[in-house]
PDB file of N, CA and C in Angstrom:
ATOM      1  N   UNK A   1    -116.744  27.759 217.653  1.00  0.00           N
ATOM      2  CA  UNK A   1    -115.712  28.288 216.885  1.00  0.00           C
ATOM      3  C   UNK A   1    -115.868  29.678 216.756  1.00  0.00           C
ATOM      4  N   UNK A   2    -115.272  30.468 217.502  1.00  0.00           N
ATOM      5  CA  UNK A   2    -115.231  32.421 217.517  1.00  0.00           C
ATOM      6  C   UNK A   2    -114.955  32.899 215.853  1.00  0.00           C
ATOM      7  N   UNK A   3    -116.038  33.703 215.558  1.00  0.00           N
ATOM      8  CA  UNK A   3    -115.985  34.472 214.366  1.00  0.00           C
ATOM      9  C   UNK A   3    -115.106  36.122 214.493  1.00  0.00           C
ATOM     10  N   UNK A   4    -115.337  36.188 215.618  1.00  0.00           N
ATOM     11  CA  UNK A   4    -114.350  37.976 215.873  1.00  0.00           C
ATOM     12  C   UNK A   4    -113.946  37.842 217.301  1.00  0.00           C
ATOM     13  N   UNK A   5    -113.359  39.234 217.082  1.00  0.00           N
ATOM     14  CA  UNK A   5    -112.822  39.425 218.699  1.00  0.00           C
ATOM     15  C   UNK A   5    -112.689  41.263 218.668  1.00  0.00           C
ATOM     16  N   UNK A   6    -112.479  41.333 219.630  1.00  0.00           N
ATOM     17  CA  UNK A   6    -112.053  42.891 219.735  1.00  0.00           C
ATOM     18  C   UNK A   6    -110.873  42.974 220.216  1.00  0.00           C
ATOM     19  N   UNK A   7    -109.965  44.318 219.674  1.00  0.00           N
ATOM     20  CA  UNK A   7    -108.844  44.620 219.803  1.00  0.00           C
ATOM     21  C   UNK A   7    -108.957  46.019 220.020  1.00  0.00           C
ATOM     22  N   UNK A   8    -106.933  46.229 219.924  1.00  0.00           N
ATOM     23  CA  UNK A   8    -107.203  47.795 220.134  1.00  0.00           C
ATOM     24  C   UNK A   8    -107.804  48.631 219.566  1.00  0.00           C
ATOM     25  N   UNK A   9    -108.133  48.246 217.573  1.00  0.00           N
ATOM     26  CA  UNK A   9    -108.935  48.771 216.706  1.00  0.00           C
ATOM     27  C   UNK A   9    -110.064  48.398 216.929  1.00  0.00           C
ATOM     28  N   UNK A  10    -110.902  47.797 217.743  1.00  0.00           N
ATOM     29  CA  UNK A  10    -112.031  47.359 217.596  1.00  0.00           C
ATOM     30  C   UNK A  10    -112.275  45.871 217.135  1.00  0.00           C
ATOM     31  N   UNK A  11    -113.620  45.860 216.472  1.00  0.00           N
ATOM     32  CA  UNK A  11    -114.016  44.600 215.532  1.00  0.00           C
ATOM     33  C   UNK A  11    -112.668  43.881 215.502  1.00  0.00           C
ATOM     34  N   UNK A  12    -112.618  43.070 215.421  1.00  0.00           N
ATOM     35  CA  UNK A  12    -111.908  42.330 214.047  1.00  0.00           C
ATOM     36  C   UNK A  12    -111.975  40.748 214.088  1.00  0.00           C
ATOM     37  N   UNK A  13    -112.828  40.342 212.387  1.00  0.00           N
ATOM     38  CA  UNK A  13    -113.310  39.202 211.879  1.00  0.00           C
ATOM     39  C   UNK A  13    -111.597  38.023 212.217  1.00  0.00           C
ATOM     40  N   UNK A  14    -111.940  36.977 212.053  1.00  0.00           N
ATOM     41  CA  UNK A  14    -110.392  36.408 212.947  1.00  0.00           C
ATOM     42  C   UNK A  14    -110.413  35.239 211.275  1.00  0.00           C
ATOM     43  N   UNK A  15    -111.606  35.076 210.824  1.00  0.00           N
ATOM     44  CA  UNK A  15    -111.205  33.996 209.331  1.00  0.00           C
ATOM     45  C   UNK A  15    -111.825  34.774 208.410  1.00  0.00           C
ATOM     46  N   UNK A  16    -112.667  34.575 207.272  1.00  0.00           N
ATOM     47  CA  UNK A  16    -113.190  34.654 205.863  1.00  0.00           C
ATOM     48  C   UNK A  16    -114.812  34.740 206.805  1.00  0.00           C
ATOM     49  N   UNK A  17    -115.128  33.860 207.747  1.00  0.00           N
ATOM     50  CA  UNK A  17    -116.243  33.678 207.527  1.00  0.00           C
ATOM     51  C   UNK A  17    -117.219  33.978 209.348  1.00  0.00           C
ATOM     52  N   UNK A  18    -118.763  34.876 209.006  1.00  0.00           N
ATOM     53  CA  UNK A  18    -118.970  35.380 209.807  1.00  0.00           C
ATOM     54  C   UNK A  18    -120.437  35.185 210.167  1.00  0.00           C
ATOM     55  N   UNK A  19    -120.820  34.082 211.727  1.00  0.00           N
ATOM     56  CA  UNK A  19    -121.746  33.736 211.465  1.00  0.00           C
ATOM     57  C   UNK A  19    -122.947  34.481 212.774  1.00  0.00           C
ATOM     58  N   UNK A  20    -123.705  35.086 212.449  1.00  0.00           N
ATOM     59  CA  UNK A  20    -124.552  35.701 213.766  1.00  0.00           C
ATOM     60  C   UNK A  20    -126.000  35.777 213.568  1.00  0.00           C
ATOM     61  N   UNK A  21    -126.767  36.739 214.302  1.00  0.00           N
ATOM     62  CA  UNK A  21    -128.322  37.040 213.974  1.00  0.00           C
ATOM     63  C   UNK A  21    -128.319  38.315 213.700  1.00  0.00           C
ATOM     64  N   UNK A  22    -129.436  38.686 213.043  1.00  0.00           N
ATOM     65  CA  UNK A  22    -129.640  40.015 212.835  1.00  0.00           C
ATOM     66  C   UNK A  22    -130.875  40.547 213.798  1.00  0.00           C
ATOM     67  N   UNK A  23    -130.566  41.790 214.513  1.00  0.00           N
ATOM     68  CA  UNK A  23    -131.382  42.139 215.590  1.00  0.00           C
ATOM     69  C   UNK A  23    -131.729  43.744 215.098  1.00  0.00           C
ATOM     70  N   UNK A  24    -133.057  43.800 216.228  1.00  0.00           N
ATOM     71  CA  UNK A  24    -132.942  45.377 215.857  1.00  0.00           C
ATOM     72  C   UNK A  24    -132.408  46.244 216.950  1.00  0.00           C
ATOM     73  N   UNK A  25    -132.029  47.571 216.709  1.00  0.00           N
ATOM     74  CA  UNK A  25    -131.226  48.797 217.570  1.00  0.00           C
ATOM     75  C   UNK A  25    -131.820  49.120 217.481  1.00  0.00           C
ATOM     76  N   UNK A  26    -131.930  49.334 219.268  1.00  0.00           N
ATOM     77  CA  UNK A  26    -132.999  50.197 219.836  1.00  0.00           C
ATOM     78  C   UNK A  26    -132.235  51.907 219.215  1.00  0.00           C
ATOM     79  N   UNK A  27    -131.088  51.799 219.467  1.00  0.00           N
ATOM     80  CA  UNK A  27    -130.784  53.442 219.106  1.00  0.00           C
ATOM     81  C   UNK A  27    -130.834  54.202 217.878  1.00  0.00           C
ATOM     82  N   UNK A  28    -130.755  52.999 216.976  1.00  0.00           N
ATOM     83  CA  UNK A  28    -130.894  53.379 215.786  1.00  0.00           C
ATOM     84  C   UNK A  28    -132.297  53.468 215.118  1.00  0.00           C
ATOM     85  N   UNK A  29    -133.148  53.435 216.203  1.00  0.00           N
ATOM     86  CA  UNK A  29    -134.453  53.575 215.688  1.00  0.00           C
ATOM     87  C   UNK A  29    -135.196  52.696 214.497  1.00  0.00           C
ATOM     88  N   UNK A  30    -134.175  51.671 214.554  1.00  0.00           N
ATOM     89  CA  UNK A  30    -134.782  50.536 213.689  1.00  0.00           C
ATOM     90  C   UNK A  30    -134.089  51.094 211.720  1.00  0.00           C
ATOM     91  N   UNK A  31    -133.068  52.056 211.942  1.00  0.00           N
ATOM     92  CA  UNK A  31    -132.698  52.324 210.787  1.00  0.00           C
ATOM     93  C   UNK A  31    -131.246  51.332 210.326  1.00  0.00           C
ATOM     94  N   UNK A  32    -130.847  50.974 211.608  1.00  0.00           N
ATOM     95  CA  UNK A  32    -129.545  49.882 211.471  1.00  0.00           C
ATOM     96  C   UNK A  32    -129.986  48.747 211.970  1.00  0.00           C
ATOM     97  N   UNK A  33    -129.648  47.998 211.480  1.00  0.00           N
ATOM     98  CA  UNK A  33    -129.423  46.338 212.914  1.00  0.00           C
ATOM     99  C   UNK A  33    -128.367  46.384 213.153  1.00  0.00           C
ATOM    100  N   UNK A  34    -128.785  45.558 214.756  1.00  0.00           N
ATOM    101  CA  UNK A  34    -127.575  45.264 215.703  1.00  0.00           C
ATOM    102  C   UNK A  34    -127.329  43.572 214.806  1.00  0.00           C
ATOM    103  N   UNK A  35    -126.196  43.561 215.081  1.00  0.00           N
ATOM    104  CA  UNK A  35    -126.024  42.039 215.086  1.00  0.00           C
ATOM    105  C   UNK A  35    -125.874  41.519 216.303  1.00  0.00           C
ATOM    106  N   UNK A  36    -125.977  40.017 215.914  1.00  0.00           N
ATOM    107  CA  UNK A  36    -125.142  39.028 217.702  1.00  0.00           C
ATOM    108  C   UNK A  36    -124.346  37.777 217.053  1.00  0.00           C
ATOM    109  N   UNK A  37    -123.012  38.280 217.160  1.00  0.00           N
ATOM    110  CA  UNK A  37    -122.121  37.383 216.993  1.00  0.00           C
ATOM    111  C   UNK A  37    -121.431  36.389 218.097  1.00  0.00           C
ATOM    112  N   UNK A  38    -121.303  35.328 218.062  1.00  0.00           N
ATOM    113  CA  UNK A  38    -120.759  34.743 219.335  1.00  0.00           C
ATOM    114  C   UNK A  38    -120.634  35.234 220.520  1.00  0.00           C
ATOM    115  N   UNK A  39    -122.297  34.984 220.461  1.00  0.00           N
ATOM    116  CA  UNK A  39    -123.109  36.010 221.687  1.00  0.00           C
ATOM    117  C   UNK A  39    -122.397  37.184 222.196  1.00  0.00           C
ATOM    118  N   UNK A  40    -122.042  37.761 221.279  1.00  0.00           N
ATOM    119  CA  UNK A  40    -121.830  39.256 221.977  1.00  0.00           C
ATOM    120  C   UNK A  40    -122.620  39.846 220.765  1.00  0.00           C
ATOM    121  N   UNK A  41    -123.519  41.291 221.142  1.00  0.00           N
ATOM    122  CA  UNK A  41    -124.047  42.058 220.422  1.00  0.00           C
ATOM    123  C   UNK A  41    -123.014  43.653 219.708  1.00  0.00           C
ATOM    124  N   UNK A  42    -123.189  43.384 218.390  1.00  0.00           N
ATOM    125  CA  UNK A  42    -122.438  44.621 217.682  1.00  0.00           C
ATOM    126  C   UNK A  42    -123.241  46.035 217.103  1.00  0.00           C
ATOM    127  N   UNK A  43    -122.804  46.704 216.740  1.00  0.00           N
ATOM    128  CA  UNK A  43    -123.373  47.914 215.699  1.00  0.00           C
ATOM    129  C   UNK A  43    -122.700  47.641 214.523  1.00  0.00           C
ATOM    130  N   UNK A  44    -124.166  47.976 213.772  1.00  0.00           N
ATOM    131  CA  UNK A  44    -123.978  48.090 212.384  1.00  0.00           C
ATOM    132  C   UNK A  44    -122.397  48.490 211.838  1.00  0.00           C
ATOM    133  N   UNK A  45    -121.607  49.840 212.262  1.00  0.00           N
ATOM    134  CA  UNK A  45    -120.945  50.221 211.894  1.00  0.00           C
ATOM    135  C   UNK A  45    -119.647  49.754 212.657  1.00  0.00           C
ATOM    136  N   UNK A  46    -119.630  48.738 213.470  1.00  0.00           N
ATOM    137  CA  UNK A  46    -118.832  47.702 213.708  1.00  0.00           C
ATOM    138  C   UNK A  46    -118.465  46.982 213.189  1.00  0.00           C
ATOM    139  N   UNK A  47    -119.153  45.971 212.505  1.00  0.00           N
ATOM    140  CA  UNK A  47    -118.789  45.162 211.316  1.00  0.00           C
ATOM    141  C   UNK A  47    -118.612  45.989 210.266  1.00  0.00           C
ATOM    142  N   UNK A  48    -119.167  47.214 209.496  1.00  0.00           N
ATOM    143  CA  UNK A  48    -118.454  47.730 208.774  1.00  0.00           C
ATOM    144  C   UNK A  48    -117.370  47.679 208.873  1.00  0.00           C
ATOM    145  N   UNK A  49    -116.920  48.493 209.574  1.00  0.00           N
ATOM    146  CA  UNK A  49    -115.863  48.964 210.139  1.00  0.00           C
ATOM    147  C   UNK A  49    -114.252  47.485 210.061  1.00  0.00           C
ATOM    148  N   UNK A  50    -115.354  46.554 210.527  1.00  0.00           N
ATOM    149  CA  UNK A  50    -114.084  45.260 210.651  1.00  0.00           C
ATOM    150  C   UNK A  50    -114.252  44.766 209.592  1.00  0.00           C
ATOM    151  N   UNK A  51    -115.001  44.973 208.394  1.00  0.00           N
ATOM    152  CA  UNK A  51    -115.198  44.636 207.020  1.00  0.00           C
ATOM    153  C   UNK A  51    -113.973  45.361 205.958  1.00  0.00           C
ATOM    154  N   UNK A  52    -113.247  46.745 206.489  1.00  0.00           N
ATOM    155  CA  UNK A  52    -112.985  47.000 205.616  1.00  0.00           C
ATOM    156  C   UNK A  52    -110.948  46.646 205.419  1.00  0.00           C
ATOM    157  N   UNK A  53    -110.873  45.923 206.194  1.00  0.00           N
ATOM    158  CA  UNK A  53    -109.693  44.897 206.192  1.00  0.00           C
ATOM    159  C   UNK A  53    -109.846  44.396 204.823  1.00  0.00           C
ATOM    160  N   UNK A  54    -111.080  43.650 204.569  1.00  0.00           N
ATOM    161  CA  UNK A  54    -110.995  43.157 203.024  1.00  0.00           C
ATOM    162  C   UNK A  54    -111.643  43.453 202.191  1.00  0.00           C
ATOM    163  N   UNK A  55    -110.961  45.202 202.127  1.00  0.00           N
ATOM    164  CA  UNK A  55    -111.620  45.978 201.085  1.00  0.00           C
ATOM    165  C   UNK A  55    -110.552  45.280 199.588  1.00  0.00           C
ATOM    166  N   UNK A  56    -111.488  45.247 198.330  1.00  0.00           N
ATOM    167  CA  UNK A  56    -111.230  45.381 197.386  1.00  0.00           C
ATOM    168  C   UNK A  56    -111.688  43.355 197.082  1.00  0.00           C
ATOM    169  N   UNK A  57    -111.850  42.631 198.345  1.00  0.00           N
ATOM    170  CA  UNK A  57    -112.676  41.548 198.223  1.00  0.00           C
ATOM    171  C   UNK A  57    -113.961  41.317 197.935  1.00  0.00           C
ATOM    172  N   UNK A  58    -114.168  40.413 197.417  1.00  0.00           N
ATOM    173  CA  UNK A  58    -115.668  39.680 196.693  1.00  0.00           C
ATOM    174  C   UNK A  58    -116.264  39.340 198.205  1.00  0.00           C
ATOM    175  N   UNK A  59    -117.802  39.472 198.762  1.00  0.00           N
ATOM    176  CA  UNK A  59    -118.463  38.580 199.220  1.00  0.00           C
ATOM    177  C   UNK A  59    -119.546  37.924 199.055  1.00  0.00           C
ATOM    178  N   UNK A  60    -120.462  37.189 199.997  1.00  0.00           N
ATOM    179  CA  UNK A  60    -121.816  36.666 199.705  1.00  0.00           C
ATOM    180  C   UNK A  60    -122.227  36.903 201.077  1.00  0.00           C
ATOM    181  N   UNK A  61    -123.378  37.352 200.828  1.00  0.00           N
ATOM    182  CA  UNK A  61    -124.126  37.712 202.116  1.00  0.00           C
ATOM    183  C   UNK A  61    -125.076  36.426 201.686  1.00  0.00           C
ATOM    184  N   UNK A  62    -125.375  36.179 202.880  1.00  0.00           N
ATOM    185  CA  UNK A  62    -126.258  34.826 202.533  1.00  0.00           C
ATOM    186  C   UNK A  62    -127.634  34.666 203.956  1.00  0.00           C
ATOM    187  N   UNK A  63    -128.630  34.863 203.868  1.00  0.00           N
ATOM    188  CA  UNK A  63    -129.891  35.328 205.327  1.00  0.00           C
ATOM    189  C   UNK A  63    -130.385  34.040 204.772  1.00  0.00           C
ATOM    190  N   UNK A  64    -130.273  33.695 206.598  1.00  0.00           N
ATOM    191  CA  UNK A  64    -131.075  31.686 206.766  1.00  0.00           C
ATOM    192  C   UNK A  64    -132.138  31.663 207.543  1.00  0.00           C
ATOM    193  N   UNK A  65    -132.844  31.357 207.663  1.00  0.00           N
ATOM    194  CA  UNK A  65    -134.356  31.222 208.746  1.00  0.00           C
ATOM    195  C   UNK A  65    -133.637  30.752 209.941  1.00  0.00           C
ATOM    196  N   UNK A  66    -133.773  31.564 211.145  1.00  0.00           N
ATOM    197  CA  UNK A  66    -133.649  31.060 211.860  1.00  0.00           C
ATOM    198  C   UNK A  66    -133.408  29.867 213.016  1.00  0.00           C
ATOM    199  N   UNK A  67    -134.311  28.919 212.111  1.00  0.00           N
ATOM    200  CA  UNK A  67    -134.198  27.240 212.597  1.00  0.00           C
ATOM    201  C   UNK A  67    -133.232  26.496 211.921  1.00  0.00           C
ATOM    202  N   UNK A  68    -133.084  27.332 210.718  1.00  0.00           N
ATOM    203  CA  UNK A  68    -131.698  26.765 210.272  1.00  0.00           C
ATOM    204  C   UNK A  68    -130.101  26.675 210.325  1.00  0.00           C
ATOM    205  N   UNK A  69    -129.560  25.736 210.682  1.00  0.00           N
ATOM    206  CA  UNK A  69    -127.999  25.963 211.092  1.00  0.00           C
ATOM    207  C   UNK A  69    -127.233  26.187 210.037  1.00  0.00           C
ATOM    208  N   UNK A  70    -126.580  27.246 210.471  1.00  0.00           N
ATOM    209  CA  UNK A  70    -125.533  27.699 209.970  1.00  0.00           C
ATOM    210  C   UNK A  70    -124.327  27.838 210.646  1.00  0.00           C
TER     211      UNK A  70
END
């Protein structure tokens, strides 16, 4: 199942759930994470921009061990 896609306006969240991995962003010198979603790397600000279409909604951020199935 794909969670995101790139469109004319940047990253777009396909449904209400996004699963991925948090990584190190060398360009940000560790100040911001780099996220991997659907095997593609995205900058933290790209994910934030994609979330803006959900302005006013509630969200739940759940962090799981890399060995857990999400």
